[in-house]
Amino acid sequence: MKSAFLTSLYQQMTPTKSISFWVASVFFLAASLLIFPAYILMGEVTSAVIIGGILAISVYLISPKVWLYSVLLSSYFFYTKSITEESSVLILFAMAYHSSLFVWIFSHVLLKRQKLITHWIDLMFLIFLGLLAINGLLAIANDVEFIFWLKTWQLHLIILYYFPLRELCADRKSQVILLGVCTVVLIIQGVSAINMYKAALSNFKFASQLLYVGIRSGASVFTFASLASLLAVLLTTKKIPKILLLAFHFFCFTVLLITLARAAWVGYAVGVLMMIVMLRKALRIQLIVGILVVSSSIGSIGFIFFNSKASLILNIINTRFTSSAQFATDPSYLSRIYENESLIKGIEEYPLGGGGLQTTHNRYDAISRTTTIGSYAHNNYLGSAEKMGIPLAALFFGIMLSIVIRNWRISWSSQDPRRIFFAISSSVGLIGIGVINFVGSVFDQREGMFLLAITFAFSALAHNLDELPAVTTNKNLHPE
């Protein structure tokens, strides 16, 4: 009886395309009519919540795939720092994302009667979210306002988007569209970063300022994008797509360079090394030779035809790295050491449960020579252990390690280039942003949560893809 009721409800909630369009139009009209009265009666925040939820659900009713691609396309405007923390636009985005996500989960699990948990990693992540919810009690006990704790906890819900990504992008066409949508977002963000960098350069007065005008927002995003696009170049055999992907890789790598984020550069380098390890012999040789040829060619052309600019760029990169080696005198490094000592004291005080998300700690800034109190921890590994407790932080990062190991096995057992791409790009992406996480706290930021959703989804797609028949004529797919 219950099953028949759910089947009937599902049929009613999944009408034909024409009906879906009209239902969605009604939702959209309702949202438009609610804007003014909701703002007058309930204020800016509540009206943003109502409108965001209705608009997102209306898009979902038109097409779940259109909804999913819309979420990805709008993600840049959500996680970019151009939107201030006080803006109600953030609340509108968050409500739109969460409400439509739970509508999809409700439809997938209760109406379609399909499994949400298909691997033990899925179960571990859901357990983590549940235990993290209990962390709110510890946060309140440590005088953290509930609304501030909730703001951080709800960001972790964004990672759940890897479930609809896994289900709705299971076929080749959808995966191509998915990668195309991600490319559009990266181009928008990259062009914006380049324009901001050019504007910053036009305003500097001293040459030394060149070392600090990097656009650090999005460093982790373009670390992953640079690694994934490099892998795509390697796995693509057709000439025109290969050239386009190579141009896109140079674009992403250029944006990564202008961030002037040393940790992001190191993350990219470590990711490339990991890629070399995970690839088969023939592809590994192609990658190494390609890197040597391209880097030497660009270097030679730069110093022959653009000597002054090439020397300046090389000097900036060299200075950024050599300053990090001066551990005893580098103010930035000393600030991190002082902060880590404060975080370790917090871990020792509450080792099992942590102090709660958004709990604060003292941090001495060696640059400004002042002591500040804040919840942001530059070392996210220590910061997570301080806020969540050691067991829960270990579970969170253990899930990521498990995904890397699963991807490793897939990359070595598969001959399908699509599976290899999704598996290796997921692993090197997690490793690259994992390096940044030592000094950048990627997983406390909005862009970090979207990156986790993408890397988790890539791993799930690689795990669920059916192996294509072997193509013996293509040596790239059978390097050994």
Protein backbone atom coordinates (compact mmCIF):
# COMPACT_ATOMS: atom_id res chain seq x y z
CA MET A 1 0.00 0.00 0.00
CA LYS A 2 2.81 2.36 0.97
CA SER A 3 4.75 1.49 -2.18
CA ALA A 4 1.70 2.17 -4.36
CA PHE A 5 1.19 5.53 -2.68
CA LEU A 6 4.81 6.54 -3.26
CA THR A 7 4.65 5.40 -6.88
CA SER A 8 1.54 7.48 -7.41
CA LEU A 9 3.13 10.46 -5.73
CA TYR A 10 6.23 10.10 -7.88
CA GLN A 11 4.13 10.00 -11.06
CA GLN A 12 2.36 13.15 -9.95
CA MET A 13 5.64 14.92 -9.20
CA THR A 14 7.28 13.91 -12.50
CA PRO A 15 4.88 15.22 -15.17
CA THR A 16 5.53 15.67 -18.85
CA LYS A 17 7.90 18.41 -20.00
CA SER A 18 5.05 20.77 -20.92
CA ILE A 19 3.38 20.32 -17.54
CA SER A 20 6.75 20.69 -15.78
CA PHE A 21 7.28 23.99 -17.57
CA TRP A 22 3.92 25.33 -16.43
CA VAL A 23 4.40 24.09 -12.87
CA ALA A 24 7.82 25.71 -12.78
CA SER A 25 6.33 28.92 -14.18
CA VAL A 26 3.79 28.99 -11.35
CA PHE A 27 6.59 28.55 -8.81
CA PHE A 28 8.56 31.35 -10.46
CA LEU A 29 5.52 33.65 -10.49
CA ALA A 30 4.86 32.87 -6.84
CA ALA A 31 8.43 33.78 -5.99
CA SER A 32 8.11 37.07 -7.88
CA LEU A 33 4.89 37.95 -6.06
CA LEU A 34 6.43 37.05 -2.69
CA ILE A 35 9.45 39.30 -2.99
CA PHE A 36 7.88 42.53 -1.78
CA PRO A 37 5.50 41.25 0.96
CA ALA A 38 8.10 38.84 2.34
CA TYR A 39 10.65 41.65 2.54
CA ILE A 40 8.18 44.00 4.28
CA LEU A 41 6.77 41.45 6.74
CA MET A 42 9.72 39.18 7.51
CA GLY A 43 12.82 41.12 6.55
CA GLU A 44 15.66 40.62 4.11
CA VAL A 45 16.99 37.28 5.37
CA THR A 46 13.66 35.43 5.56
CA SER A 47 12.53 36.71 2.17
CA ALA A 48 15.83 35.58 0.63
CA VAL A 49 15.34 32.11 2.11
CA ILE A 50 11.79 31.77 0.74
CA ILE A 51 12.58 33.15 -2.70
CA GLY A 52 15.80 31.15 -3.08
CA GLY A 53 14.06 27.88 -2.26
CA ILE A 54 11.12 28.47 -4.60
CA LEU A 55 13.28 29.57 -7.52
CA ALA A 56 15.60 26.56 -7.21
CA ILE A 57 12.73 24.07 -6.93
CA SER A 58 11.06 25.62 -9.99
CA VAL A 59 14.23 25.04 -12.02
CA TYR A 60 14.39 21.47 -10.70
CA LEU A 61 10.81 20.84 -11.87
CA ILE A 62 11.71 21.86 -15.42
CA SER A 63 14.62 19.41 -15.60
CA PRO A 64 16.87 17.89 -12.92
CA LYS A 65 19.86 18.12 -15.26
CA VAL A 66 19.17 21.76 -16.06
CA TRP A 67 18.92 22.35 -12.30
CA LEU A 68 22.26 20.63 -11.69
CA TYR A 69 24.06 22.53 -14.43
CA SER A 70 22.50 25.76 -13.16
CA VAL A 71 23.91 25.09 -9.70
CA LEU A 72 27.39 24.64 -11.16
CA LEU A 73 27.11 27.73 -13.36
CA SER A 74 26.01 29.86 -10.42
CA SER A 75 28.58 28.42 -8.01
CA TYR A 76 31.22 31.02 -8.90
CA PHE A 77 28.89 33.84 -7.85
CA PHE A 78 28.34 32.02 -4.55
CA TYR A 79 31.90 31.24 -3.54
CA THR A 80 33.62 34.31 -4.97
CA LYS A 81 34.76 36.87 -2.41
CA SER A 82 33.13 39.69 -4.36
CA ILE A 83 29.98 38.91 -2.37
CA THR A 84 30.36 40.09 1.21
CA GLU A 85 29.59 37.83 4.12
CA GLU A 86 26.80 40.17 5.24
CA SER A 87 24.98 40.04 1.92
CA SER A 88 21.57 38.35 1.83
CA VAL A 89 22.54 37.13 -1.64
CA LEU A 90 24.66 34.44 0.06
CA ILE A 91 21.62 33.30 2.04
CA LEU A 92 19.54 33.19 -1.14
CA PHE A 93 22.14 31.02 -2.87
CA ALA A 94 22.53 28.70 0.13
CA MET A 95 18.78 28.20 0.47
CA ALA A 96 18.41 27.58 -3.26
CA TYR A 97 21.17 24.98 -3.20
CA HIS A 98 20.01 23.16 -0.07
CA SER A 99 16.26 23.13 -0.73
CA SER A 100 16.56 21.84 -4.29
CA LEU A 101 19.18 19.29 -3.22
CA PHE A 102 16.86 17.80 -0.63
CA VAL A 103 14.00 17.73 -3.12
CA TRP A 104 16.25 15.64 -5.37
CA ILE A 105 17.24 13.33 -2.48
CA PHE A 106 13.56 12.93 -1.51
CA SER A 107 12.63 12.06 -5.09
CA HIS A 108 15.60 9.73 -5.60
CA VAL A 109 15.23 7.76 -2.37
CA LEU A 110 11.54 7.82 -1.43
CA LEU A 111 9.81 8.24 -4.79
CA LYS A 112 12.10 6.49 -7.25
CA ARG A 113 13.09 3.95 -4.59
CA GLN A 114 16.75 4.05 -5.64
CA LYS A 115 19.82 3.68 -3.46
CA LEU A 116 21.66 6.74 -2.27
CA ILE A 117 24.44 4.70 -0.65
CA THR A 118 26.25 2.63 -3.28
CA HIS A 119 29.66 2.40 -1.61
CA TRP A 120 30.88 2.33 1.98
CA ILE A 121 32.51 5.75 1.40
CA ASP A 122 29.01 7.21 0.90
CA LEU A 123 27.95 5.77 4.25
CA MET A 124 31.04 7.12 6.01
CA PHE A 125 30.38 10.62 4.72
CA LEU A 126 26.74 10.58 5.84
CA ILE A 127 27.87 9.37 9.27
CA PHE A 128 30.39 12.22 9.35
CA LEU A 129 27.63 14.78 8.61
CA GLY A 130 25.47 13.32 11.38
CA LEU A 131 28.27 13.42 13.95
CA LEU A 132 29.19 16.93 12.83
CA ALA A 133 25.61 18.01 13.58
CA ILE A 134 26.08 16.84 17.19
CA ASN A 135 29.16 19.07 17.27
CA GLY A 136 26.73 21.99 17.52
CA LEU A 137 26.05 21.14 21.16
CA LEU A 138 29.77 21.45 21.93
CA ALA A 139 29.92 24.75 20.07
CA ILE A 140 27.03 26.17 22.12
CA ALA A 141 28.68 24.91 25.33
CA ASN A 142 31.79 26.88 24.34
CA ASP A 143 29.81 30.11 23.86
CA VAL A 144 29.66 29.92 20.06
CA GLU A 145 26.47 31.49 18.73
CA PHE A 146 24.30 28.84 17.05
CA ILE A 147 23.83 30.89 13.88
CA PHE A 148 27.61 31.11 13.37
CA TRP A 149 28.01 27.37 13.93
CA LEU A 150 25.16 26.67 11.50
CA LYS A 151 26.77 28.87 8.84
CA THR A 152 29.85 26.64 8.86
CA TRP A 153 28.04 23.31 9.23
CA GLN A 154 25.67 23.92 6.32
CA LEU A 155 28.60 24.45 3.98
CA HIS A 156 29.42 20.75 4.33
CA LEU A 157 26.01 19.96 2.82
CA ILE A 158 27.28 21.25 -0.52
CA ILE A 159 29.50 18.16 -0.76
CA LEU A 160 26.28 16.11 -1.00
CA TYR A 161 25.93 17.40 -4.55
CA TYR A 162 28.23 14.58 -5.59
CA PHE A 163 25.19 12.28 -5.28
CA PRO A 164 23.11 13.97 -8.05
CA LEU A 165 26.31 14.50 -10.06
CA ARG A 166 26.94 10.77 -9.85
CA GLU A 167 23.38 9.83 -10.84
CA LEU A 168 22.48 12.48 -13.40
CA CYS A 169 25.83 12.47 -15.21
CA ALA A 170 26.19 8.72 -15.59
CA ASP A 171 26.19 8.76 -19.43
CA ARG A 172 28.86 10.09 -21.76
CA LYS A 173 26.81 13.01 -23.12
CA SER A 174 25.97 14.30 -19.65
CA GLN A 175 29.61 14.02 -18.60
CA VAL A 176 30.71 16.07 -21.62
CA ILE A 177 28.14 18.73 -20.72
CA LEU A 178 29.27 18.62 -17.10
CA LEU A 179 32.89 19.26 -18.09
CA GLY A 180 31.73 21.98 -20.49
CA VAL A 181 29.80 23.76 -17.73
CA CYS A 182 32.84 23.56 -15.43
CA THR A 183 34.96 25.02 -18.25
CA VAL A 184 32.60 27.98 -18.64
CA VAL A 185 32.74 28.69 -14.89
CA LEU A 186 36.55 28.52 -14.94
CA ILE A 187 36.79 30.88 -17.92
CA ILE A 188 34.52 33.42 -16.19
CA GLN A 189 36.49 33.21 -12.97
CA GLY A 190 39.85 33.21 -14.77
CA VAL A 191 39.08 36.27 -16.88
CA SER A 192 37.86 38.06 -13.76
CA ALA A 193 41.08 37.18 -11.90
CA ILE A 194 43.27 38.37 -14.80
CA ASN A 195 41.40 41.68 -14.99
CA MET A 196 41.77 42.18 -11.24
CA TYR A 197 45.47 41.39 -11.48
CA LYS A 198 45.95 43.91 -14.31
CA ALA A 199 44.09 46.54 -12.27
CA ALA A 200 46.28 45.81 -9.24
CA LEU A 201 49.46 46.14 -11.33
CA SER A 202 48.35 49.50 -12.72
CA ASN A 203 48.12 50.90 -9.19
CA PHE A 204 51.40 49.72 -7.66
CA LYS A 205 54.10 52.30 -6.84
CA PHE A 206 57.06 50.14 -5.86
CA ALA A 207 58.59 47.14 -7.62
CA SER A 208 58.49 45.15 -4.37
CA GLN A 209 54.67 45.27 -4.50
CA LEU A 210 54.80 42.85 -7.43
CA LEU A 211 55.51 40.13 -4.86
CA TYR A 212 52.20 40.64 -3.06
CA VAL A 213 49.55 41.73 -5.60
CA GLY A 214 48.47 38.19 -6.48
CA ILE A 215 44.77 37.38 -6.77
CA ARG A 216 44.75 34.56 -4.22
CA SER A 217 41.01 33.97 -4.44
CA GLY A 218 40.48 30.80 -6.46
CA ALA A 219 44.01 29.44 -6.06
CA SER A 220 42.70 26.01 -5.05
CA VAL A 221 40.16 26.02 -7.90
CA PHE A 222 42.82 26.63 -10.53
CA THR A 223 45.20 24.16 -8.95
CA PHE A 224 42.61 21.45 -9.58
CA ALA A 225 41.66 22.89 -12.99
CA SER A 226 45.29 23.00 -14.13
CA LEU A 227 45.88 19.41 -13.09
CA ALA A 228 42.65 18.08 -14.64
CA SER A 229 43.18 19.95 -17.93
CA LEU A 230 46.77 18.69 -18.13
CA LEU A 231 45.52 15.11 -17.74
CA ALA A 232 42.82 15.71 -20.36
CA VAL A 233 45.47 16.89 -22.84
CA LEU A 234 47.42 13.72 -22.22
CA LEU A 235 44.46 11.35 -22.67
CA THR A 236 43.00 13.06 -25.75
CA THR A 237 44.18 11.64 -29.09
CA LYS A 238 42.38 13.88 -31.60
CA LYS A 239 44.47 16.87 -32.66
CA ILE A 240 41.96 19.75 -32.54
CA PRO A 241 40.50 18.86 -29.10
CA LYS A 242 44.07 18.30 -27.86
CA ILE A 243 45.13 21.79 -29.01
CA LEU A 244 42.04 23.39 -27.44
CA LEU A 245 42.63 21.56 -24.17
CA LEU A 246 46.28 22.57 -24.19
CA ALA A 247 45.28 26.22 -24.64
CA PHE A 248 42.79 25.86 -21.78
CA HIS A 249 45.50 24.32 -19.58
CA PHE A 250 47.82 27.27 -20.24
CA PHE A 251 44.95 29.61 -19.38
CA CYS A 252 44.30 27.85 -16.05
CA PHE A 253 48.02 27.67 -15.30
CA THR A 254 48.41 31.40 -16.00
CA VAL A 255 45.61 32.20 -13.54
CA LEU A 256 47.30 29.89 -11.03
CA LEU A 257 50.57 31.79 -11.44
CA ILE A 258 49.05 35.24 -10.90
CA THR A 259 47.59 34.12 -7.58
CA LEU A 260 51.18 34.29 -6.28
CA ALA A 261 50.07 31.60 -3.83
CA ARG A 262 53.17 29.55 -3.08
CA ALA A 263 51.18 26.70 -1.55
CA ALA A 264 49.05 26.47 -4.70
CA TRP A 265 52.17 26.26 -6.85
CA VAL A 266 53.54 23.50 -4.64
CA GLY A 267 50.14 21.77 -4.72
CA TYR A 268 50.22 21.80 -8.52
CA ALA A 269 53.77 20.40 -8.57
CA VAL A 270 52.90 17.63 -6.11
CA GLY A 271 49.77 16.85 -8.14
CA VAL A 272 51.84 16.50 -11.31
CA LEU A 273 54.26 14.15 -9.52
CA MET A 274 51.30 12.11 -8.30
CA MET A 275 49.94 12.03 -11.85
CA ILE A 276 53.26 10.67 -13.11
CA VAL A 277 53.13 7.92 -10.49
CA MET A 278 49.53 6.93 -11.28
CA LEU A 279 49.91 6.84 -15.07
CA ARG A 280 51.09 3.83 -17.05
CA LYS A 281 54.57 3.78 -18.56
CA ALA A 282 53.86 5.22 -22.04
CA LEU A 283 51.64 8.04 -20.75
CA ARG A 284 54.13 8.74 -17.97
CA ILE A 285 56.92 9.21 -20.53
CA GLN A 286 54.69 11.41 -22.70
CA LEU A 287 53.90 13.65 -19.72
CA ILE A 288 57.53 14.03 -18.64
CA VAL A 289 58.76 14.71 -22.17
CA GLY A 290 55.88 17.10 -22.82
CA ILE A 291 56.58 19.11 -19.65
CA LEU A 292 60.30 19.35 -20.48
CA VAL A 293 59.71 20.36 -24.11
CA VAL A 294 56.97 22.91 -23.40
CA SER A 295 58.71 24.51 -20.40
CA SER A 296 62.06 24.77 -22.22
CA SER A 297 60.37 26.18 -25.34
CA ILE A 298 58.40 28.81 -23.40
CA GLY A 299 61.52 29.69 -21.39
CA SER A 300 63.68 30.07 -24.48
CA ILE A 301 61.11 32.16 -26.35
CA GLY A 302 60.52 34.30 -23.27
CA PHE A 303 64.18 35.11 -22.65
CA ILE A 304 65.00 35.63 -26.35
CA PHE A 305 62.10 37.89 -27.31
CA PHE A 306 60.81 39.18 -23.94
CA ASN A 307 63.95 39.15 -21.83
CA SER A 308 63.04 41.90 -19.37
CA LYS A 309 59.54 40.59 -18.65
CA ALA A 310 60.71 36.98 -18.45
CA SER A 311 63.48 37.94 -16.02
CA LEU A 312 60.97 39.85 -13.88
CA ILE A 313 58.55 36.90 -13.74
CA LEU A 314 61.36 34.50 -12.87
CA ASN A 315 62.60 36.85 -10.16
CA ILE A 316 59.12 37.12 -8.63
CA ILE A 317 58.70 33.33 -8.52
CA ASN A 318 62.22 32.85 -7.14
CA THR A 319 61.76 35.52 -4.47
CA ARG A 320 58.41 34.08 -3.38
CA PHE A 321 59.97 30.66 -2.84
CA THR A 322 63.27 31.79 -1.31
CA SER A 323 61.42 33.93 1.24
CA SER A 324 59.70 30.76 2.43
CA ALA A 325 63.09 29.15 3.06
CA GLN A 326 64.02 31.89 5.53
CA PHE A 327 62.08 30.24 8.33
CA ALA A 328 63.66 32.21 11.16
CA THR A 329 62.92 35.64 9.69
CA ASP A 330 59.91 35.20 7.37
CA PRO A 331 57.00 36.96 9.20
CA SER A 332 54.38 34.94 7.35
CA TYR A 333 56.00 31.65 8.36
CA LEU A 334 56.42 32.80 11.98
CA SER A 335 52.75 33.81 12.12
CA ARG A 336 51.75 30.30 11.03
CA ILE A 337 54.00 28.76 13.70
CA TYR A 338 52.45 30.90 16.44
CA GLU A 339 48.96 30.07 15.21
CA ASN A 340 49.71 26.34 15.08
CA GLU A 341 50.93 26.44 18.68
CA SER A 342 47.63 28.04 19.70
CA LEU A 343 45.65 25.41 17.76
CA ILE A 344 47.60 22.56 19.37
CA LYS A 345 46.73 23.94 22.82
CA GLY A 346 43.06 23.93 21.81
CA ILE A 347 43.34 20.31 20.64
CA GLU A 348 44.97 19.29 23.92
CA GLU A 349 42.09 20.92 25.81
CA TYR A 350 39.30 19.15 23.87
CA PRO A 351 40.93 16.21 22.01
CA LEU A 352 37.84 14.03 21.49
CA GLY A 353 34.94 16.35 20.69
CA GLY A 354 36.68 19.59 19.85
CA GLY A 355 35.52 23.03 20.83
CA GLY A 356 32.84 23.20 18.13
CA LEU A 357 32.79 24.74 14.67
CA GLN A 358 33.52 28.48 14.72
CA THR A 359 35.30 28.24 18.06
CA THR A 360 37.95 30.96 18.30
CA HIS A 361 41.67 30.94 19.06
CA ASN A 362 44.38 33.55 19.65
CA ARG A 363 46.82 34.22 16.84
CA TYR A 364 49.87 36.46 16.91
CA ASP A 365 50.49 38.14 13.56
CA ALA A 366 54.24 38.69 13.12
CA ILE A 367 53.59 41.00 10.15
CA SER A 368 51.37 43.53 11.94
CA ARG A 369 52.78 42.58 15.38
CA THR A 370 49.32 42.29 16.88
CA THR A 371 47.38 39.48 18.51
CA THR A 372 44.01 38.71 16.97
CA ILE A 373 41.14 36.40 17.95
CA GLY A 374 39.33 34.54 15.21
CA SER A 375 37.88 31.21 14.11
CA TYR A 376 39.76 30.92 10.80
CA ALA A 377 42.72 28.54 11.04
CA HIS A 378 45.28 28.65 8.23
CA ASN A 379 46.27 25.03 8.88
CA ASN A 380 42.98 23.27 8.27
CA TYR A 381 44.23 19.94 9.59
CA LEU A 382 44.98 21.37 13.01
CA GLY A 383 41.98 23.69 12.80
CA SER A 384 39.61 20.81 12.06
CA ALA A 385 41.01 18.75 14.94
CA GLU A 386 40.55 21.74 17.27
CA LYS A 387 36.95 22.35 16.17
CA MET A 388 35.70 18.79 15.46
CA GLY A 389 37.94 16.75 17.70
CA ILE A 390 40.63 14.34 16.57
CA PRO A 391 38.32 11.34 15.77
CA LEU A 392 35.90 13.32 13.60
CA ALA A 393 38.67 15.21 11.80
CA ALA A 394 40.43 11.89 11.16
CA LEU A 395 37.17 10.51 9.69
CA PHE A 396 36.78 13.54 7.41
CA PHE A 397 40.30 13.40 6.00
CA GLY A 398 40.26 9.60 6.08
CA ILE A 399 37.34 9.66 3.62
CA MET A 400 39.44 11.73 1.23
CA LEU A 401 42.38 9.35 1.60
CA SER A 402 40.06 6.40 0.90
CA ILE A 403 38.88 8.10 -2.30
CA VAL A 404 42.48 8.61 -3.42
CA ILE A 405 43.22 4.90 -2.80
CA ARG A 406 40.07 3.82 -4.68
CA ASN A 407 41.03 6.06 -7.60
CA TRP A 408 44.53 4.58 -7.62
CA ARG A 409 43.14 1.07 -7.98
CA ILE A 410 40.78 2.14 -10.76
CA SER A 411 43.53 3.91 -12.71
CA TRP A 412 45.72 0.81 -12.67
CA SER A 413 42.97 -1.68 -13.47
CA SER A 414 41.20 0.28 -16.21
CA GLN A 415 41.91 0.74 -19.91
CA ASP A 416 39.03 3.19 -20.46
CA PRO A 417 40.35 6.77 -20.88
CA ARG A 418 37.20 8.26 -19.34
CA ARG A 419 37.58 6.18 -16.17
CA ILE A 420 41.28 6.98 -16.02
CA PHE A 421 40.56 10.71 -16.39
CA PHE A 422 37.93 10.81 -13.66
CA ALA A 423 39.97 8.63 -11.29
CA ILE A 424 43.34 10.35 -11.65
CA SER A 425 41.99 13.92 -11.81
CA SER A 426 40.03 13.25 -8.62
CA SER A 427 43.15 11.96 -6.85
CA VAL A 428 45.60 14.62 -7.99
CA GLY A 429 42.98 17.29 -7.31
CA LEU A 430 42.49 16.11 -3.74
CA ILE A 431 46.25 15.89 -3.23
CA GLY A 432 46.89 19.31 -4.76
CA ILE A 433 44.32 21.14 -2.66
CA GLY A 434 45.36 18.97 0.30
CA VAL A 435 48.80 20.61 0.10
CA ILE A 436 47.21 24.08 0.07
CA ASN A 437 45.15 23.03 3.07
CA PHE A 438 48.26 23.15 5.26
CA VAL A 439 48.29 26.94 5.00
CA GLY A 440 45.00 27.91 3.37
CA SER A 441 42.15 26.08 5.13
CA VAL A 442 40.47 25.19 1.82
CA PHE A 443 37.78 23.05 3.43
CA ASP A 444 36.44 25.93 5.53
CA GLN A 445 35.61 27.92 2.41
CA ARG A 446 32.73 27.80 -0.04
CA GLU A 447 34.94 27.08 -3.04
CA GLY A 448 36.56 24.21 -1.14
CA MET A 449 33.21 22.53 -0.59
CA PHE A 450 32.34 22.73 -4.29
CA LEU A 451 35.75 21.30 -5.13
CA LEU A 452 35.10 18.37 -2.79
CA ALA A 453 31.71 17.78 -4.44
CA ILE A 454 33.40 17.67 -7.86
CA THR A 455 36.32 15.45 -6.80
CA PHE A 456 34.00 13.06 -4.93
CA ALA A 457 31.70 12.94 -7.99
CA PHE A 458 34.61 12.27 -10.37
CA SER A 459 35.69 9.36 -8.20
CA ALA A 460 32.14 7.97 -8.07
CA LEU A 461 31.79 8.28 -11.87
CA ALA A 462 35.07 6.41 -12.35
CA HIS A 463 33.90 3.70 -9.95
CA ASN A 464 30.48 3.28 -11.59
CA LEU A 465 31.48 3.51 -15.27
CA ASP A 466 31.32 0.28 -17.24
CA GLU A 467 34.66 -0.67 -18.74
CA LEU A 468 34.79 -0.08 -22.49
CA PRO A 469 36.10 -2.87 -24.72
CA ALA A 470 39.85 -2.76 -25.19
CA VAL A 471 41.05 -0.88 -28.29
CA THR A 472 44.28 -2.60 -29.25
CA THR A 473 45.06 -0.15 -32.03
CA ASN A 474 45.39 2.77 -29.64
CA LYS A 475 48.71 2.59 -27.81
CA ASN A 476 47.75 5.48 -25.54
CA LEU A 477 45.08 3.35 -23.92
CA HIS A 478 47.39 0.34 -23.60
CA PRO A 479 50.71 1.84 -22.61
CA GLU A 480 52.07 -1.42 -21.37
